[in-house]
Amino acid sequence: MEDRAHALRTEINVAGLASVEATLELALCFHHAVRDDHEGIAAGIGRLRELTSSGDYAYYTDIAHFMANRHSPTAPGSQAQWLDGESATRTRWHSLVTARREHLRATL
């Protein structure tokens, strides 16, 4: 997975598609959260912070924290305003991760 992600990052950078790179990192955070890979999710969140430091897509970092069921240690009061509130949004994103874990366990 990491080799493919590295190749995609390179292709995205060459094409100059910064928003796509942030989306890739968010997808990788989902993958790491499903696998309960703490190092992978931490690295992914770090890359997301760098990619969204301009403010564009900054909510992706919040979503990555939600998927991993983590609280953001550096930004406890996110600028994002969730339509259903942070708690409901956090629950929905984390539920996607737990549903995927259950699906994968059932197929083994």
C-alpha atoms as a PDB file:
ATOM      1  CA  MET A   1       0.000   0.000   0.000  1.00  0.00           C
ATOM      2  CA  GLU A   2       2.752   2.450   0.931  1.00  0.00           C
ATOM      3  CA  ASP A   3       4.617   1.884  -2.352  1.00  0.00           C
ATOM      4  CA  ARG A   4       1.477   2.606  -4.349  1.00  0.00           C
ATOM      5  CA  ALA A   5       0.725   5.673  -2.228  1.00  0.00           C
ATOM      6  CA  HIS A   6       4.259   6.968  -2.819  1.00  0.00           C
ATOM      7  CA  ALA A   7       3.842   6.525  -6.581  1.00  0.00           C
ATOM      8  CA  LEU A   8       0.495   8.328  -6.490  1.00  0.00           C
ATOM      9  CA  ARG A   9       1.970  11.195  -4.449  1.00  0.00           C
ATOM     10  CA  THR A  10       4.696  11.598  -7.065  1.00  0.00           C
ATOM     11  CA  GLU A  11       2.199  11.607  -9.937  1.00  0.00           C
ATOM     12  CA  ILE A  12      -0.037  14.089  -8.117  1.00  0.00           C
ATOM     13  CA  ASN A  13       2.883  16.428  -7.369  1.00  0.00           C
ATOM     14  CA  VAL A  14       4.048  16.342 -10.987  1.00  0.00           C
ATOM     15  CA  ALA A  15       0.512  17.182 -12.103  1.00  0.00           C
ATOM     16  CA  GLY A  16       0.284  20.006  -9.548  1.00  0.00           C
ATOM     17  CA  LEU A  17      -2.949  18.795  -7.983  1.00  0.00           C
ATOM     18  CA  ALA A  18      -2.545  19.733  -4.320  1.00  0.00           C
ATOM     19  CA  SER A  19      -6.197  19.117  -3.403  1.00  0.00           C
ATOM     20  CA  VAL A  20      -5.986  15.593  -4.786  1.00  0.00           C
ATOM     21  CA  GLU A  21      -2.934  14.912  -2.621  1.00  0.00           C
ATOM     22  CA  ALA A  22      -4.903  15.900   0.481  1.00  0.00           C
ATOM     23  CA  THR A  23      -7.716  13.573  -0.588  1.00  0.00           C
ATOM     24  CA  LEU A  24      -5.214  10.739  -1.075  1.00  0.00           C
ATOM     25  CA  GLU A  25      -3.837  11.324   2.421  1.00  0.00           C
ATOM     26  CA  LEU A  26      -7.339  11.279   3.878  1.00  0.00           C
ATOM     27  CA  ALA A  27      -8.018   7.944   2.150  1.00  0.00           C
ATOM     28  CA  LEU A  28      -4.740   6.588   3.540  1.00  0.00           C
ATOM     29  CA  CYS A  29      -5.766   7.771   7.012  1.00  0.00           C
ATOM     30  CA  PHE A  30      -8.955   5.737   6.588  1.00  0.00           C
ATOM     31  CA  HIS A  31      -6.873   2.703   5.618  1.00  0.00           C
ATOM     32  CA  HIS A  32      -4.595   3.138   8.643  1.00  0.00           C
ATOM     33  CA  ALA A  33      -7.541   3.687  10.986  1.00  0.00           C
ATOM     34  CA  VAL A  34      -9.205   0.490   9.752  1.00  0.00           C
ATOM     35  CA  ARG A  35      -5.960  -1.407  10.369  1.00  0.00           C
ATOM     36  CA  ASP A  36      -5.601   0.312  13.767  1.00  0.00           C
ATOM     37  CA  ASP A  37      -2.130   1.405  12.623  1.00  0.00           C
ATOM     38  CA  HIS A  38      -1.258   4.147  15.108  1.00  0.00           C
ATOM     39  CA  GLU A  39       2.026   5.076  13.433  1.00  0.00           C
ATOM     40  CA  GLY A  40       0.392   5.211  10.005  1.00  0.00           C
ATOM     41  CA  ILE A  41      -2.455   7.414  11.172  1.00  0.00           C
ATOM     42  CA  ALA A  42      -0.057   9.741  12.999  1.00  0.00           C
ATOM     43  CA  ALA A  43       2.096  10.080   9.881  1.00  0.00           C
ATOM     44  CA  GLY A  44      -0.979  10.620   7.714  1.00  0.00           C
ATOM     45  CA  ILE A  45      -2.339  13.303  10.018  1.00  0.00           C
ATOM     46  CA  GLY A  46       1.062  15.003   9.947  1.00  0.00           C
ATOM     47  CA  ARG A  47       1.057  15.012   6.135  1.00  0.00           C
ATOM     48  CA  LEU A  48      -2.516  16.317   6.132  1.00  0.00           C
ATOM     49  CA  ARG A  49      -1.524  19.166   8.435  1.00  0.00           C
ATOM     50  CA  GLU A  50       1.256  20.150   6.043  1.00  0.00           C
ATOM     51  CA  LEU A  51      -0.962  19.879   2.967  1.00  0.00           C
ATOM     52  CA  THR A  52      -3.791  21.893   4.506  1.00  0.00           C
ATOM     53  CA  SER A  53      -1.731  24.532   6.328  1.00  0.00           C
ATOM     54  CA  SER A  54      -3.085  27.181   3.935  1.00  0.00           C
ATOM     55  CA  GLY A  55      -6.562  26.537   5.333  1.00  0.00           C
ATOM     56  CA  ASP A  56      -7.882  24.768   2.231  1.00  0.00           C
ATOM     57  CA  TYR A  57      -9.298  21.368   3.155  1.00  0.00           C
ATOM     58  CA  ALA A  58      -8.142  21.847   6.755  1.00  0.00           C
ATOM     59  CA  TYR A  59     -11.222  19.945   7.919  1.00  0.00           C
ATOM     60  CA  TYR A  60      -9.643  16.790   6.441  1.00  0.00           C
ATOM     61  CA  THR A  61      -7.351  16.745   9.478  1.00  0.00           C
ATOM     62  CA  ASP A  62     -10.407  16.775  11.746  1.00  0.00           C
ATOM     63  CA  ILE A  63     -11.949  13.928   9.757  1.00  0.00           C
ATOM     64  CA  ALA A  64      -8.760  11.872  10.068  1.00  0.00           C
ATOM     65  CA  HIS A  65      -8.864  12.369  13.843  1.00  0.00           C
ATOM     66  CA  PHE A  66     -12.532  11.347  13.873  1.00  0.00           C
ATOM     67  CA  MET A  67     -11.844   8.170  11.865  1.00  0.00           C
ATOM     68  CA  ALA A  68      -9.082   7.162  14.289  1.00  0.00           C
ATOM     69  CA  ASN A  69     -11.242   8.156  17.273  1.00  0.00           C
ATOM     70  CA  ARG A  70      -8.588  10.646  18.387  1.00  0.00           C
ATOM     71  CA  HIS A  71      -8.827  14.152  19.671  1.00  0.00           C
ATOM     72  CA  SER A  72      -6.600  16.717  18.024  1.00  0.00           C
ATOM     73  CA  PRO A  73      -3.910  17.645  20.557  1.00  0.00           C
ATOM     74  CA  THR A  74      -2.944  20.878  18.801  1.00  0.00           C
ATOM     75  CA  ALA A  75      -6.309  22.157  17.667  1.00  0.00           C
ATOM     76  CA  PRO A  76      -8.983  21.278  20.222  1.00  0.00           C
ATOM     77  CA  GLY A  77     -11.289  23.989  18.861  1.00  0.00           C
ATOM     78  CA  SER A  78     -11.360  23.314  15.146  1.00  0.00           C
ATOM     79  CA  GLN A  79     -12.502  26.033  12.772  1.00  0.00           C
ATOM     80  CA  ALA A  80     -14.858  23.568  11.076  1.00  0.00           C
ATOM     81  CA  GLN A  81     -18.537  23.946  11.841  1.00  0.00           C
ATOM     82  CA  TRP A  82     -20.261  20.608  11.415  1.00  0.00           C
ATOM     83  CA  LEU A  83     -23.931  20.683  10.410  1.00  0.00           C
ATOM     84  CA  ASP A  84     -24.932  18.050  12.975  1.00  0.00           C
ATOM     85  CA  GLY A  85     -22.287  19.066  15.525  1.00  0.00           C
ATOM     86  CA  GLU A  86     -18.843  17.633  16.126  1.00  0.00           C
ATOM     87  CA  SER A  87     -19.997  14.669  18.206  1.00  0.00           C
ATOM     88  CA  ALA A  88     -22.410  13.328  15.572  1.00  0.00           C
ATOM     89  CA  THR A  89     -19.869  13.906  12.810  1.00  0.00           C
ATOM     90  CA  ARG A  90     -17.128  12.173  14.813  1.00  0.00           C
ATOM     91  CA  THR A  91     -19.418   9.206  15.423  1.00  0.00           C
ATOM     92  CA  ARG A  92     -20.341   8.896  11.734  1.00  0.00           C
ATOM     93  CA  TRP A  93     -16.725   8.931  10.539  1.00  0.00           C
ATOM     94  CA  HIS A  94     -15.584   6.469  13.188  1.00  0.00           C
ATOM     95  CA  SER A  95     -18.572   4.243  12.392  1.00  0.00           C
ATOM     96  CA  LEU A  96     -17.329   3.950   8.800  1.00  0.00           C
ATOM     97  CA  VAL A  97     -14.022   2.639  10.136  1.00  0.00           C
ATOM     98  CA  THR A  98     -15.619   0.145  12.515  1.00  0.00           C
ATOM     99  CA  ALA A  99     -18.029  -1.068   9.814  1.00  0.00           C
ATOM    100  CA  ARG A 100     -15.110  -1.664   7.462  1.00  0.00           C
ATOM    101  CA  ARG A 101     -13.212  -3.557  10.173  1.00  0.00           C
ATOM    102  CA  GLU A 102     -16.239  -5.764  10.789  1.00  0.00           C
ATOM    103  CA  HIS A 103     -16.658  -6.386   7.073  1.00  0.00           C
ATOM    104  CA  LEU A 104     -13.020  -7.398   6.699  1.00  0.00           C
ATOM    105  CA  ARG A 105     -13.228  -9.735   9.707  1.00  0.00           C
ATOM    106  CA  ALA A 106     -16.341 -11.371   8.256  1.00  0.00           C
ATOM    107  CA  THR A 107     -14.633 -12.045   4.923  1.00  0.00           C
ATOM    108  CA  LEU A 108     -11.595 -13.786   6.436  1.00  0.00           C
END
